[in-house]
Amino acid sequence: MRTRFLFPFLLIGLLMIGAWIGYLRFTGKQELASLYSAVPLVQLVTLDNKIVDLRIEAFNYPSVLIYFNSSCPICRSEAELIEKTFRADSLTRLLWVS
């Protein structure tokens, strides 16, 4: 008799937990999309003469945009230090703009 009443409550509880997880995943994707829609539409030219859209590049991976002067020795030493420090973190993408 007790299991007869326990089963519907357990089923309703599991359905509510599943709905809550689905809601959190949906709103998380919307927040992520709204963050990347704030990235300006900037197209950059690479050393290989390819055009790169900044919004697309920043959307694929967590990205850091670093603007530096390549002819400045201080900027080059800082760039080497940043590259050495962040290269261990394979999840972060460094976008260098000079």
N, C-alpha and C. Protein backbone atom coordinates (compact mmCIF):
# COMPACT_ATOMS: atom_id res chain seq x y z
N MET A 1 0.81 -1.19 0.00
CA MET A 1 0.00 0.00 0.00
C MET A 1 0.86 1.27 0.00
N ARG A 2 1.97 1.21 0.77
CA ARG A 2 2.84 2.38 0.83
C ARG A 2 3.54 2.62 -0.50
N THR A 3 3.94 1.54 -1.16
CA THR A 3 4.64 1.70 -2.44
C THR A 3 3.69 2.22 -3.52
N ARG A 4 2.43 1.97 -3.35
CA ARG A 4 1.44 2.45 -4.31
C ARG A 4 1.35 3.97 -4.28
N PHE A 5 1.52 4.58 -3.12
CA PHE A 5 1.48 6.03 -3.01
C PHE A 5 2.86 6.66 -3.24
N LEU A 6 3.89 5.90 -3.00
CA LEU A 6 5.25 6.41 -3.14
C LEU A 6 5.65 6.56 -4.61
N PHE A 7 5.25 5.65 -5.45
CA PHE A 7 5.62 5.66 -6.86
C PHE A 7 5.17 6.93 -7.59
N PRO A 8 3.92 7.39 -7.47
CA PRO A 8 3.54 8.63 -8.18
C PRO A 8 4.32 9.85 -7.70
N PHE A 9 4.59 9.94 -6.40
CA PHE A 9 5.36 11.09 -5.90
C PHE A 9 6.80 11.04 -6.40
N LEU A 10 7.36 9.87 -6.46
CA LEU A 10 8.71 9.70 -6.97
C LEU A 10 8.77 10.06 -8.47
N LEU A 11 7.79 9.63 -9.22
CA LEU A 11 7.73 9.92 -10.64
C LEU A 11 7.56 11.43 -10.89
N ILE A 12 6.69 12.06 -10.14
CA ILE A 12 6.49 13.51 -10.28
C ILE A 12 7.76 14.26 -9.91
N GLY A 13 8.42 13.80 -8.85
CA GLY A 13 9.67 14.45 -8.44
C GLY A 13 10.75 14.34 -9.51
N LEU A 14 10.89 13.17 -10.11
CA LEU A 14 11.88 12.99 -11.18
C LEU A 14 11.55 13.83 -12.41
N LEU A 15 10.28 13.93 -12.73
CA LEU A 15 9.89 14.78 -13.87
C LEU A 15 10.18 16.25 -13.59
N MET A 16 9.95 16.68 -12.37
CA MET A 16 10.23 18.08 -12.02
C MET A 16 11.73 18.36 -12.05
N ILE A 17 12.53 17.43 -11.58
CA ILE A 17 13.99 17.61 -11.63
C ILE A 17 14.46 17.66 -13.08
N GLY A 18 13.94 16.79 -13.93
CA GLY A 18 14.30 16.81 -15.35
C GLY A 18 13.91 18.11 -16.03
N ALA A 19 12.73 18.62 -15.70
CA ALA A 19 12.29 19.89 -16.29
C ALA A 19 13.19 21.03 -15.82
N TRP A 20 13.60 21.00 -14.57
CA TRP A 20 14.45 22.06 -14.03
C TRP A 20 15.84 22.03 -14.70
N ILE A 21 16.39 20.85 -14.89
CA ILE A 21 17.69 20.73 -15.56
C ILE A 21 17.59 21.21 -17.01
N GLY A 22 16.51 20.86 -17.69
CA GLY A 22 16.31 21.33 -19.06
C GLY A 22 16.18 22.85 -19.13
N TYR A 23 15.48 23.43 -18.17
CA TYR A 23 15.33 24.89 -18.12
C TYR A 23 16.68 25.56 -17.90
N LEU A 24 17.49 25.02 -16.99
CA LEU A 24 18.81 25.61 -16.72
C LEU A 24 19.72 25.52 -17.94
N ARG A 25 19.68 24.41 -18.65
CA ARG A 25 20.51 24.28 -19.86
C ARG A 25 20.06 25.25 -20.94
N PHE A 26 18.75 25.44 -21.09
CA PHE A 26 18.24 26.34 -22.11
C PHE A 26 18.61 27.78 -21.81
N THR A 27 18.44 28.22 -20.56
CA THR A 27 18.76 29.61 -20.22
C THR A 27 20.26 29.85 -20.26
N GLY A 28 21.05 28.82 -19.95
CA GLY A 28 22.50 28.97 -20.04
C GLY A 28 22.96 29.22 -21.45
N LYS A 29 22.35 28.53 -22.41
CA LYS A 29 22.71 28.74 -23.82
C LYS A 29 22.29 30.13 -24.29
N GLN A 30 21.17 30.61 -23.78
CA GLN A 30 20.73 31.95 -24.16
C GLN A 30 21.69 33.01 -23.60
N GLU A 31 22.15 32.81 -22.36
CA GLU A 31 23.10 33.76 -21.78
C GLU A 31 24.39 33.76 -22.58
N LEU A 32 24.86 32.60 -22.97
CA LEU A 32 26.09 32.51 -23.75
C LEU A 32 25.92 33.21 -25.09
N ALA A 33 24.81 33.01 -25.74
CA ALA A 33 24.55 33.67 -27.03
C ALA A 33 24.47 35.18 -26.87
N SER A 34 23.87 35.65 -25.77
CA SER A 34 23.77 37.10 -25.57
C SER A 34 25.13 37.71 -25.27
N LEU A 35 26.02 36.97 -24.62
CA LEU A 35 27.37 37.48 -24.37
C LEU A 35 28.12 37.66 -25.67
N TYR A 36 28.03 36.69 -26.58
CA TYR A 36 28.77 36.78 -27.82
C TYR A 36 28.13 37.70 -28.83
N SER A 37 26.87 38.03 -28.65
CA SER A 37 26.28 39.01 -29.56
C SER A 37 26.78 40.41 -29.24
N ALA A 38 27.37 40.60 -28.03
CA ALA A 38 27.92 41.90 -27.66
C ALA A 38 29.31 42.11 -28.26
N VAL A 39 29.93 41.07 -28.78
CA VAL A 39 31.24 41.20 -29.42
C VAL A 39 31.03 41.93 -30.75
N PRO A 40 31.79 42.99 -30.98
CA PRO A 40 31.59 43.74 -32.22
C PRO A 40 31.98 42.94 -33.46
N LEU A 41 31.38 43.31 -34.56
CA LEU A 41 31.73 42.68 -35.84
C LEU A 41 33.02 43.29 -36.35
N VAL A 42 34.12 42.57 -36.11
CA VAL A 42 35.44 43.03 -36.54
C VAL A 42 36.05 41.93 -37.39
N GLN A 43 36.53 42.31 -38.55
CA GLN A 43 37.22 41.35 -39.40
C GLN A 43 38.70 41.73 -39.43
N LEU A 44 39.54 40.73 -39.15
CA LEU A 44 40.98 40.93 -39.11
C LEU A 44 41.63 40.13 -40.22
N VAL A 45 42.80 40.56 -40.65
CA VAL A 45 43.56 39.86 -41.68
C VAL A 45 44.74 39.18 -40.99
N THR A 46 44.89 37.88 -41.21
CA THR A 46 45.98 37.13 -40.59
C THR A 46 47.26 37.28 -41.40
N LEU A 47 48.34 36.69 -40.90
CA LEU A 47 49.61 36.73 -41.62
C LEU A 47 49.53 35.95 -42.93
N ASP A 48 48.60 35.01 -43.02
CA ASP A 48 48.39 34.22 -44.24
C ASP A 48 47.42 34.89 -45.20
N ASN A 49 47.06 36.14 -44.94
CA ASN A 49 46.09 36.92 -45.73
C ASN A 49 44.70 36.31 -45.72
N LYS A 50 44.34 35.66 -44.63
CA LYS A 50 42.98 35.15 -44.47
C LYS A 50 42.19 36.15 -43.63
N ILE A 51 40.93 36.31 -43.97
CA ILE A 51 40.06 37.20 -43.20
C ILE A 51 39.40 36.40 -42.09
N VAL A 52 39.53 36.89 -40.87
CA VAL A 52 39.01 36.22 -39.69
C VAL A 52 37.97 37.12 -39.04
N ASP A 53 36.79 36.57 -38.80
CA ASP A 53 35.75 37.31 -38.11
C ASP A 53 35.92 37.10 -36.61
N LEU A 54 36.06 38.19 -35.88
CA LEU A 54 36.33 38.12 -34.44
C LEU A 54 35.20 37.46 -33.67
N ARG A 55 33.97 37.70 -34.09
CA ARG A 55 32.83 37.11 -33.38
C ARG A 55 32.81 35.59 -33.51
N ILE A 56 33.14 35.09 -34.68
CA ILE A 56 33.16 33.63 -34.88
C ILE A 56 34.31 33.01 -34.11
N GLU A 57 35.48 33.64 -34.14
CA GLU A 57 36.63 33.11 -33.42
C GLU A 57 36.41 33.12 -31.92
N ALA A 58 35.77 34.15 -31.40
CA ALA A 58 35.53 34.24 -29.96
C ALA A 58 34.41 33.32 -29.52
N PHE A 59 33.55 32.90 -30.43
CA PHE A 59 32.42 32.04 -30.06
C PHE A 59 32.84 30.59 -29.88
N ASN A 60 33.85 30.14 -30.59
CA ASN A 60 34.24 28.74 -30.54
C ASN A 60 34.95 28.36 -29.26
N TYR A 61 35.78 29.23 -28.72
CA TYR A 61 36.59 28.95 -27.54
C TYR A 61 36.57 30.17 -26.62
N PRO A 62 36.88 29.97 -25.33
CA PRO A 62 37.12 31.15 -24.48
C PRO A 62 38.34 31.87 -25.04
N SER A 63 38.20 33.15 -25.31
CA SER A 63 39.25 33.87 -26.03
C SER A 63 39.68 35.11 -25.29
N VAL A 64 40.95 35.45 -25.48
CA VAL A 64 41.51 36.69 -24.95
C VAL A 64 42.07 37.45 -26.14
N LEU A 65 41.61 38.68 -26.32
CA LEU A 65 42.09 39.53 -27.39
C LEU A 65 43.21 40.39 -26.83
N ILE A 66 44.40 40.26 -27.41
CA ILE A 66 45.57 41.00 -26.95
C ILE A 66 46.03 41.91 -28.07
N TYR A 67 46.00 43.20 -27.79
CA TYR A 67 46.46 44.20 -28.76
C TYR A 67 47.83 44.67 -28.30
N PHE A 68 48.82 44.55 -29.18
CA PHE A 68 50.17 44.94 -28.80
C PHE A 68 50.91 45.50 -30.01
N ASN A 69 52.02 46.19 -29.74
CA ASN A 69 52.85 46.76 -30.79
C ASN A 69 54.01 45.80 -31.02
N SER A 70 54.10 45.24 -32.19
CA SER A 70 55.13 44.23 -32.47
C SER A 70 56.52 44.82 -32.63
N SER A 71 56.64 46.12 -32.80
CA SER A 71 57.97 46.72 -32.94
C SER A 71 58.53 47.21 -31.61
N CYS A 72 57.74 47.18 -30.56
CA CYS A 72 58.18 47.62 -29.23
C CYS A 72 58.82 46.44 -28.49
N PRO A 73 60.06 46.60 -28.00
CA PRO A 73 60.71 45.48 -27.31
C PRO A 73 60.01 45.11 -25.99
N ILE A 74 59.46 46.07 -25.31
CA ILE A 74 58.74 45.78 -24.06
C ILE A 74 57.48 45.00 -24.36
N CYS A 75 56.76 45.40 -25.40
CA CYS A 75 55.53 44.69 -25.79
C CYS A 75 55.85 43.26 -26.22
N ARG A 76 56.94 43.07 -26.95
CA ARG A 76 57.32 41.72 -27.38
C ARG A 76 57.69 40.83 -26.21
N SER A 77 58.39 41.39 -25.21
CA SER A 77 58.73 40.57 -24.04
C SER A 77 57.49 40.21 -23.24
N GLU A 78 56.55 41.15 -23.13
CA GLU A 78 55.28 40.86 -22.46
C GLU A 78 54.48 39.82 -23.23
N ALA A 79 54.50 39.90 -24.55
CA ALA A 79 53.78 38.93 -25.37
C ALA A 79 54.36 37.53 -25.20
N GLU A 80 55.69 37.44 -25.13
CA GLU A 80 56.32 36.14 -24.90
C GLU A 80 55.95 35.58 -23.54
N LEU A 81 55.92 36.44 -22.54
CA LEU A 81 55.54 36.00 -21.19
C LEU A 81 54.08 35.54 -21.15
N ILE A 82 53.20 36.27 -21.80
CA ILE A 82 51.78 35.89 -21.85
C ILE A 82 51.62 34.56 -22.59
N GLU A 83 52.31 34.43 -23.70
CA GLU A 83 52.23 33.20 -24.49
C GLU A 83 52.72 32.00 -23.68
N LYS A 84 53.82 32.17 -22.97
CA LYS A 84 54.38 31.08 -22.18
C LYS A 84 53.45 30.71 -21.02
N THR A 85 52.83 31.71 -20.41
CA THR A 85 51.96 31.47 -19.26
C THR A 85 50.67 30.80 -19.66
N PHE A 86 50.05 31.27 -20.72
CA PHE A 86 48.73 30.77 -21.11
C PHE A 86 48.78 29.56 -22.04
N ARG A 87 49.93 29.21 -22.58
CA ARG A 87 49.99 28.10 -23.50
C ARG A 87 49.67 26.78 -22.80
N ALA A 88 49.93 26.71 -21.49
CA ALA A 88 49.61 25.49 -20.73
C ALA A 88 48.09 25.29 -20.65
N ASP A 89 47.34 26.39 -20.71
CA ASP A 89 45.87 26.31 -20.66
C ASP A 89 45.36 26.15 -22.09
N SER A 90 45.06 24.93 -22.47
CA SER A 90 44.66 24.67 -23.86
C SER A 90 43.24 25.11 -24.16
N LEU A 91 42.45 25.46 -23.13
CA LEU A 91 41.07 25.86 -23.36
C LEU A 91 40.95 27.33 -23.77
N THR A 92 41.94 28.12 -23.44
CA THR A 92 41.90 29.55 -23.74
C THR A 92 42.61 29.81 -25.06
N ARG A 93 41.95 30.59 -25.90
CA ARG A 93 42.54 30.93 -27.20
C ARG A 93 43.02 32.38 -27.13
N LEU A 94 44.27 32.60 -27.52
CA LEU A 94 44.83 33.94 -27.54
C LEU A 94 44.73 34.50 -28.95
N LEU A 95 44.09 35.65 -29.08
CA LEU A 95 43.97 36.33 -30.39
C LEU A 95 44.87 37.56 -30.34
N TRP A 96 45.94 37.51 -31.08
CA TRP A 96 46.94 38.58 -31.09
C TRP A 96 46.62 39.57 -32.20
N VAL A 97 46.56 40.84 -31.86
CA VAL A 97 46.30 41.89 -32.84
C VAL A 97 47.42 42.90 -32.74
N SER A 98 48.06 43.17 -33.87
CA SER A 98 49.18 44.10 -33.88
C SER A 98 48.93 45.17 -34.93
